[in-house]
Amino acid sequence: MGRSSRASIGKSFLDAESAWSSYRPYSGARACGGGGHGLMRVRVEGDSMRPALMPGDWLLVLRGARIHPGDLVVARLPGDPGRLIVKRAQWHGEDGWWLESDNQRAGGRRDSWDFGPVSDIVGRVVLRYWPLLRRAR
């Protein structure tokens, strides 16, 4: 599948890697399709999106997809566009989307409460495909 890289999501991380292509829209990430659309897969590490997302979850992300309040999205970290974050879109204003962590108590979590609205949304999470089943915790 190729090399994978780590990108920060607050104190959490995404491993972004292509399933089918070698097009590289940002540092270290490999995404499917050309231009601003296509699929990419990401691996979650960290606790900022618990309970919806757990460390080790693999997600399928549709780049360039339409975003609605409540969607899980992947965006570029403001101030460090080479890093990716996964957050929940809350509302859209003139400066971009307000993105929040589901777990506000996670150590090192960063979201719009820290850096304000985000305009550089990469895509919308469309599927958590791994693990197939999650044990009750």
N, C-alpha and C. Protein backbone atom coordinates (compact mmCIF):
# COMPACT_ATOMS: atom_id res chain seq x y z
N MET A 1 0.81 -1.20 0.00
CA MET A 1 0.00 0.00 0.00
C MET A 1 0.85 1.26 0.00
N GLY A 2 2.08 1.19 0.40
CA GLY A 2 2.91 2.38 0.43
C GLY A 2 3.20 2.82 1.84
N ARG A 3 3.98 3.90 1.91
CA ARG A 3 4.35 4.40 3.23
C ARG A 3 3.18 5.13 3.86
N SER A 4 3.16 5.16 5.18
CA SER A 4 2.16 5.95 5.88
C SER A 4 2.87 6.96 6.76
N SER A 5 2.17 7.98 7.12
CA SER A 5 2.75 9.03 7.94
C SER A 5 1.77 9.39 9.04
N ARG A 6 2.28 10.03 10.04
CA ARG A 6 1.43 10.46 11.15
C ARG A 6 1.13 11.93 11.02
N ALA A 7 -0.09 12.30 11.31
CA ALA A 7 -0.49 13.70 11.30
C ALA A 7 -1.27 13.95 12.57
N SER A 8 -1.01 15.02 13.23
CA SER A 8 -1.60 15.29 14.54
C SER A 8 -3.09 15.58 14.45
N ILE A 9 -3.85 15.07 15.37
CA ILE A 9 -5.24 15.48 15.59
C ILE A 9 -5.32 15.84 17.05
N GLY A 10 -5.05 17.07 17.36
CA GLY A 10 -4.88 17.47 18.74
C GLY A 10 -3.70 16.70 19.24
N LYS A 11 -3.84 16.00 20.33
CA LYS A 11 -2.77 15.13 20.80
C LYS A 11 -3.00 13.74 20.24
N SER A 12 -4.02 13.60 19.39
CA SER A 12 -4.29 12.34 18.71
C SER A 12 -3.62 12.38 17.36
N PHE A 13 -3.65 11.26 16.63
CA PHE A 13 -3.01 11.21 15.33
C PHE A 13 -3.88 10.53 14.29
N LEU A 14 -3.62 10.84 13.05
CA LEU A 14 -4.20 10.15 11.90
C LEU A 14 -3.05 9.55 11.12
N ASP A 15 -3.21 8.37 10.64
CA ASP A 15 -2.29 7.79 9.68
C ASP A 15 -3.04 7.84 8.36
N ALA A 16 -2.64 8.69 7.46
CA ALA A 16 -3.34 8.84 6.19
C ALA A 16 -2.57 8.11 5.11
N GLU A 17 -3.26 7.22 4.42
CA GLU A 17 -2.59 6.42 3.40
C GLU A 17 -3.60 6.08 2.31
N SER A 18 -3.14 6.04 1.09
CA SER A 18 -4.00 5.73 -0.04
C SER A 18 -4.32 4.24 -0.11
N ALA A 19 -5.50 3.95 -0.57
CA ALA A 19 -5.83 2.57 -0.86
C ALA A 19 -5.46 2.24 -2.31
N TRP A 20 -5.43 3.25 -3.20
CA TRP A 20 -5.25 2.92 -4.61
C TRP A 20 -4.33 3.84 -5.41
N SER A 21 -3.89 4.96 -4.92
CA SER A 21 -3.20 5.92 -5.77
C SER A 21 -1.96 6.48 -5.11
N SER A 22 -1.14 7.14 -5.89
CA SER A 22 0.07 7.75 -5.33
C SER A 22 0.00 9.28 -5.35
N TYR A 23 -1.14 9.87 -5.67
CA TYR A 23 -1.31 11.31 -5.62
C TYR A 23 -1.13 11.79 -4.19
N ARG A 24 -0.31 12.85 -3.98
CA ARG A 24 0.00 13.32 -2.62
C ARG A 24 -0.44 14.76 -2.44
N PRO A 25 -1.63 14.99 -1.89
CA PRO A 25 -2.14 16.36 -1.74
C PRO A 25 -1.49 17.12 -0.59
N TYR A 26 -0.89 16.44 0.38
CA TYR A 26 -0.21 17.11 1.48
C TYR A 26 0.85 16.19 2.02
N SER A 27 1.74 16.73 2.82
CA SER A 27 2.95 16.01 3.21
C SER A 27 2.66 14.66 3.83
N GLY A 28 3.26 13.65 3.26
CA GLY A 28 3.20 12.31 3.83
C GLY A 28 1.90 11.57 3.62
N ALA A 29 0.86 12.24 3.20
CA ALA A 29 -0.42 11.56 3.03
C ALA A 29 -0.54 11.08 1.59
N ARG A 30 -1.23 9.98 1.42
CA ARG A 30 -1.52 9.49 0.08
C ARG A 30 -3.02 9.33 -0.03
N ALA A 31 -3.60 9.91 -1.05
CA ALA A 31 -5.05 9.91 -1.19
C ALA A 31 -5.46 9.33 -2.53
N CYS A 32 -6.69 8.89 -2.60
CA CYS A 32 -7.23 8.30 -3.83
C CYS A 32 -7.83 9.39 -4.70
N GLY A 33 -7.71 9.26 -5.98
CA GLY A 33 -8.33 10.18 -6.91
C GLY A 33 -7.50 11.43 -7.13
N GLY A 34 -7.85 12.19 -8.12
CA GLY A 34 -7.14 13.42 -8.43
C GLY A 34 -7.93 14.63 -7.97
N GLY A 35 -7.31 15.79 -8.08
CA GLY A 35 -7.99 17.03 -7.71
C GLY A 35 -8.40 17.04 -6.26
N GLY A 36 -9.55 17.63 -5.97
CA GLY A 36 -9.99 17.77 -4.59
C GLY A 36 -10.98 16.70 -4.16
N HIS A 37 -11.21 15.70 -4.99
CA HIS A 37 -12.20 14.68 -4.64
C HIS A 37 -11.57 13.30 -4.68
N GLY A 38 -12.20 12.35 -4.05
CA GLY A 38 -11.71 10.99 -4.01
C GLY A 38 -11.74 10.46 -2.59
N LEU A 39 -11.30 9.24 -2.44
CA LEU A 39 -11.32 8.59 -1.14
C LEU A 39 -9.93 8.52 -0.55
N MET A 40 -9.86 8.60 0.75
CA MET A 40 -8.62 8.35 1.46
C MET A 40 -8.97 7.59 2.73
N ARG A 41 -8.02 6.87 3.26
CA ARG A 41 -8.26 6.17 4.50
C ARG A 41 -7.35 6.75 5.57
N VAL A 42 -7.85 6.78 6.78
CA VAL A 42 -7.09 7.33 7.90
C VAL A 42 -7.19 6.41 9.10
N ARG A 43 -6.13 6.38 9.88
CA ARG A 43 -6.09 5.59 11.11
C ARG A 43 -6.05 6.54 12.30
N VAL A 44 -6.92 6.31 13.27
CA VAL A 44 -7.04 7.18 14.43
C VAL A 44 -6.15 6.69 15.56
N GLU A 45 -5.47 7.63 16.20
CA GLU A 45 -4.76 7.37 17.45
C GLU A 45 -5.10 8.49 18.40
N GLY A 46 -5.23 8.19 19.66
CA GLY A 46 -5.54 9.21 20.65
C GLY A 46 -6.97 9.15 21.11
N ASP A 47 -7.28 9.99 22.07
CA ASP A 47 -8.57 9.92 22.76
C ASP A 47 -9.50 11.11 22.52
N SER A 48 -9.13 12.07 21.68
CA SER A 48 -9.92 13.29 21.58
C SER A 48 -11.30 13.07 20.96
N MET A 49 -11.52 11.97 20.25
CA MET A 49 -12.83 11.75 19.63
C MET A 49 -13.60 10.59 20.25
N ARG A 50 -13.15 10.12 21.42
CA ARG A 50 -13.92 9.10 22.14
C ARG A 50 -15.25 9.69 22.56
N PRO A 51 -16.32 8.98 22.55
CA PRO A 51 -16.47 7.55 22.31
C PRO A 51 -16.73 7.19 20.84
N ALA A 52 -16.94 8.17 19.97
CA ALA A 52 -17.26 7.86 18.57
C ALA A 52 -16.11 7.15 17.87
N LEU A 53 -14.88 7.64 18.08
CA LEU A 53 -13.70 7.05 17.46
C LEU A 53 -12.72 6.65 18.54
N MET A 54 -12.12 5.49 18.35
CA MET A 54 -11.16 4.95 19.31
C MET A 54 -9.80 4.82 18.65
N PRO A 55 -8.73 4.84 19.45
CA PRO A 55 -7.42 4.59 18.87
C PRO A 55 -7.41 3.26 18.11
N GLY A 56 -6.83 3.27 16.93
CA GLY A 56 -6.79 2.06 16.10
C GLY A 56 -7.93 1.95 15.10
N ASP A 57 -8.95 2.79 15.20
CA ASP A 57 -10.03 2.78 14.21
C ASP A 57 -9.49 3.22 12.86
N TRP A 58 -9.99 2.59 11.80
CA TRP A 58 -9.67 3.00 10.44
C TRP A 58 -10.92 3.60 9.83
N LEU A 59 -10.76 4.74 9.16
CA LEU A 59 -11.87 5.49 8.60
C LEU A 59 -11.70 5.66 7.10
N LEU A 60 -12.81 5.71 6.39
CA LEU A 60 -12.82 6.06 4.98
C LEU A 60 -13.34 7.50 4.89
N VAL A 61 -12.58 8.36 4.21
CA VAL A 61 -12.89 9.79 4.12
C VAL A 61 -13.12 10.16 2.67
N LEU A 62 -14.21 10.86 2.40
CA LEU A 62 -14.51 11.36 1.06
C LEU A 62 -14.02 12.80 0.98
N ARG A 63 -12.94 12.98 0.23
CA ARG A 63 -12.36 14.32 0.09
C ARG A 63 -13.28 15.22 -0.72
N GLY A 64 -13.39 16.47 -0.29
CA GLY A 64 -14.19 17.45 -1.01
C GLY A 64 -15.69 17.27 -0.83
N ALA A 65 -16.11 16.41 0.09
CA ALA A 65 -17.54 16.15 0.30
C ALA A 65 -18.23 17.34 0.96
N ARG A 66 -19.50 17.43 0.75
CA ARG A 66 -20.32 18.45 1.40
C ARG A 66 -20.39 18.15 2.90
N ILE A 67 -20.25 19.18 3.72
CA ILE A 67 -20.23 19.03 5.17
C ILE A 67 -21.51 19.60 5.77
N HIS A 68 -22.04 18.88 6.78
CA HIS A 68 -23.22 19.33 7.52
C HIS A 68 -22.89 19.31 9.01
N PRO A 69 -23.57 20.14 9.80
CA PRO A 69 -23.35 20.09 11.25
C PRO A 69 -23.55 18.67 11.77
N GLY A 70 -22.63 18.23 12.63
CA GLY A 70 -22.68 16.89 13.19
C GLY A 70 -21.79 15.88 12.48
N ASP A 71 -21.32 16.21 11.27
CA ASP A 71 -20.45 15.31 10.52
C ASP A 71 -19.07 15.22 11.17
N LEU A 72 -18.45 14.05 11.07
CA LEU A 72 -17.04 13.90 11.41
C LEU A 72 -16.24 14.29 10.18
N VAL A 73 -15.24 15.16 10.37
CA VAL A 73 -14.46 15.66 9.24
C VAL A 73 -12.97 15.54 9.51
N VAL A 74 -12.20 15.52 8.43
CA VAL A 74 -10.76 15.61 8.49
C VAL A 74 -10.40 16.98 7.92
N ALA A 75 -9.56 17.71 8.66
CA ALA A 75 -9.16 19.06 8.26
C ALA A 75 -7.66 19.22 8.47
N ARG A 76 -7.11 20.29 7.88
CA ARG A 76 -5.70 20.62 8.13
C ARG A 76 -5.64 21.44 9.41
N LEU A 77 -4.65 21.15 10.24
CA LEU A 77 -4.47 21.85 11.50
C LEU A 77 -4.07 23.29 11.22
N PRO A 78 -4.85 24.28 11.69
CA PRO A 78 -4.47 25.68 11.47
C PRO A 78 -3.07 25.96 12.04
N GLY A 79 -2.28 26.66 11.26
CA GLY A 79 -0.91 26.97 11.66
C GLY A 79 0.09 25.89 11.31
N ASP A 80 -0.38 24.70 10.93
CA ASP A 80 0.50 23.60 10.55
C ASP A 80 -0.23 22.75 9.50
N PRO A 81 -0.35 23.26 8.26
CA PRO A 81 -1.17 22.58 7.24
C PRO A 81 -0.68 21.19 6.83
N GLY A 82 0.51 20.79 7.26
CA GLY A 82 0.97 19.44 6.97
C GLY A 82 0.40 18.41 7.91
N ARG A 83 -0.29 18.86 8.94
CA ARG A 83 -0.88 17.95 9.93
C ARG A 83 -2.39 17.93 9.75
N LEU A 84 -2.98 16.75 9.99
CA LEU A 84 -4.42 16.57 9.85
C LEU A 84 -5.06 16.38 11.21
N ILE A 85 -6.31 16.83 11.31
CA ILE A 85 -7.11 16.61 12.51
C ILE A 85 -8.43 15.99 12.11
N VAL A 86 -9.00 15.21 12.99
CA VAL A 86 -10.35 14.69 12.78
C VAL A 86 -11.20 15.21 13.93
N LYS A 87 -12.30 15.88 13.59
CA LYS A 87 -13.17 16.53 14.57
C LYS A 87 -14.61 16.46 14.10
N ARG A 88 -15.52 16.91 14.96
CA ARG A 88 -16.93 16.98 14.61
C ARG A 88 -17.26 18.41 14.20
N ALA A 89 -17.86 18.57 13.02
CA ALA A 89 -18.28 19.90 12.54
C ALA A 89 -19.51 20.33 13.34
N GLN A 90 -19.45 21.51 13.95
CA GLN A 90 -20.57 22.01 14.75
C GLN A 90 -21.43 23.00 13.97
N TRP A 91 -20.81 24.04 13.42
CA TRP A 91 -21.55 25.02 12.62
C TRP A 91 -20.58 25.71 11.67
N HIS A 92 -21.16 26.31 10.63
CA HIS A 92 -20.37 27.01 9.63
C HIS A 92 -20.63 28.50 9.73
N GLY A 93 -19.57 29.28 9.82
CA GLY A 93 -19.66 30.74 9.84
C GLY A 93 -18.88 31.32 8.69
N GLU A 94 -18.78 32.63 8.64
CA GLU A 94 -18.08 33.26 7.52
C GLU A 94 -16.58 32.96 7.49
N ASP A 95 -15.99 32.57 8.64
CA ASP A 95 -14.56 32.24 8.70
C ASP A 95 -14.26 30.75 8.56
N GLY A 96 -15.29 29.93 8.44
CA GLY A 96 -15.08 28.49 8.28
C GLY A 96 -15.92 27.68 9.26
N TRP A 97 -15.56 26.41 9.41
CA TRP A 97 -16.30 25.50 10.29
C TRP A 97 -15.75 25.53 11.70
N TRP A 98 -16.67 25.52 12.67
CA TRP A 98 -16.30 25.35 14.07
C TRP A 98 -16.21 23.85 14.32
N LEU A 99 -15.03 23.38 14.68
CA LEU A 99 -14.77 21.95 14.87
C LEU A 99 -14.48 21.67 16.33
N GLU A 100 -15.09 20.61 16.86
CA GLU A 100 -14.88 20.26 18.27
C GLU A 100 -14.54 18.78 18.42
N SER A 101 -13.79 18.50 19.48
CA SER A 101 -13.51 17.13 19.91
C SER A 101 -14.74 16.61 20.63
N ASP A 102 -15.03 15.32 20.50
CA ASP A 102 -16.12 14.72 21.28
C ASP A 102 -15.73 14.62 22.75
N ASN A 103 -14.45 14.38 23.01
CA ASN A 103 -13.94 14.20 24.37
C ASN A 103 -13.14 15.44 24.77
N GLN A 104 -13.82 16.42 25.33
CA GLN A 104 -13.16 17.67 25.71
C GLN A 104 -12.16 17.50 26.85
N ARG A 105 -12.21 16.38 27.54
CA ARG A 105 -11.28 16.13 28.65
C ARG A 105 -10.02 15.37 28.24
N ALA A 106 -9.90 15.02 26.98
CA ALA A 106 -8.73 14.27 26.51
C ALA A 106 -7.48 15.13 26.68
N GLY A 107 -6.44 14.51 27.20
CA GLY A 107 -5.18 15.21 27.37
C GLY A 107 -4.62 15.69 26.04
N GLY A 108 -4.28 16.96 25.95
CA GLY A 108 -3.68 17.51 24.75
C GLY A 108 -4.63 17.75 23.60
N ARG A 109 -5.92 17.58 23.79
CA ARG A 109 -6.87 17.77 22.69
C ARG A 109 -6.81 19.22 22.22
N ARG A 110 -6.97 19.42 20.90
CA ARG A 110 -7.01 20.75 20.31
C ARG A 110 -8.15 20.79 19.31
N ASP A 111 -8.93 21.87 19.37
CA ASP A 111 -10.02 22.05 18.43
C ASP A 111 -10.30 23.54 18.28
N SER A 112 -11.47 23.91 17.75
CA SER A 112 -11.77 25.31 17.49
C SER A 112 -11.80 26.16 18.76
N TRP A 113 -11.95 25.56 19.93
CA TRP A 113 -11.85 26.32 21.17
C TRP A 113 -10.43 26.86 21.33
N ASP A 114 -9.46 26.23 20.70
CA ASP A 114 -8.06 26.66 20.78
C ASP A 114 -7.65 27.54 19.61
N PHE A 115 -8.12 27.22 18.38
CA PHE A 115 -7.62 27.92 17.20
C PHE A 115 -8.71 28.59 16.37
N GLY A 116 -9.96 28.56 16.78
CA GLY A 116 -11.03 29.23 16.04
C GLY A 116 -11.55 28.41 14.88
N PRO A 117 -12.38 29.03 14.03
CA PRO A 117 -12.97 28.32 12.89
C PRO A 117 -11.89 27.83 11.92
N VAL A 118 -12.21 26.75 11.20
CA VAL A 118 -11.27 26.13 10.26
C VAL A 118 -11.88 26.17 8.87
N SER A 119 -11.12 26.70 7.92
CA SER A 119 -11.62 26.78 6.55
C SER A 119 -11.08 25.67 5.66
N ASP A 120 -10.01 25.01 6.07
CA ASP A 120 -9.36 24.00 5.23
C ASP A 120 -9.82 22.59 5.61
N ILE A 121 -11.03 22.24 5.17
CA ILE A 121 -11.59 20.92 5.41
C ILE A 121 -11.17 20.00 4.27
N VAL A 122 -10.55 18.88 4.60
CA VAL A 122 -10.10 17.92 3.59
C VAL A 122 -11.26 17.05 3.11
N GLY A 123 -12.08 16.55 4.06
CA GLY A 123 -13.18 15.70 3.66
C GLY A 123 -14.03 15.25 4.84
N ARG A 124 -15.06 14.49 4.52
CA ARG A 124 -16.02 13.99 5.51
C ARG A 124 -15.80 12.49 5.72
N VAL A 125 -15.80 12.07 6.98
CA VAL A 125 -15.71 10.65 7.30
C VAL A 125 -17.02 9.99 6.88
N VAL A 126 -16.91 8.95 6.04
CA VAL A 126 -18.11 8.27 5.57
C VAL A 126 -18.27 6.87 6.16
N LEU A 127 -17.18 6.32 6.72
CA LEU A 127 -17.26 4.96 7.23
C LEU A 127 -16.11 4.66 8.19
N ARG A 128 -16.43 4.04 9.31
CA ARG A 128 -15.40 3.41 10.15
C ARG A 128 -15.42 1.96 9.75
N TYR A 129 -14.35 1.50 9.08
CA TYR A 129 -14.37 0.14 8.55
C TYR A 129 -13.56 -0.85 9.36
N TRP A 130 -12.80 -0.39 10.33
CA TRP A 130 -12.05 -1.31 11.18
C TRP A 130 -11.93 -0.73 12.56
N PRO A 131 -12.13 -1.47 13.59
CA PRO A 131 -12.44 -2.89 13.61
C PRO A 131 -13.89 -3.14 13.19
N LEU A 132 -14.14 -4.36 12.69
CA LEU A 132 -15.49 -4.69 12.26
C LEU A 132 -16.47 -4.65 13.42
N LEU A 133 -16.05 -5.18 14.53
CA LEU A 133 -16.86 -5.16 15.75
C LEU A 133 -16.05 -4.52 16.86
N ARG A 134 -16.71 -3.83 17.75
CA ARG A 134 -16.04 -3.19 18.87
C ARG A 134 -16.56 -3.80 20.16
N ARG A 135 -15.63 -4.22 21.00
CA ARG A 135 -16.02 -4.78 22.30
C ARG A 135 -16.55 -3.69 23.21
N ALA A 136 -17.50 -4.05 24.04
CA ALA A 136 -18.01 -3.10 25.04
C ALA A 136 -16.91 -2.79 26.03
N ARG A 137 -16.77 -1.53 26.38
CA ARG A 137 -15.72 -1.13 27.32
C ARG A 137 -16.29 -0.54 28.55
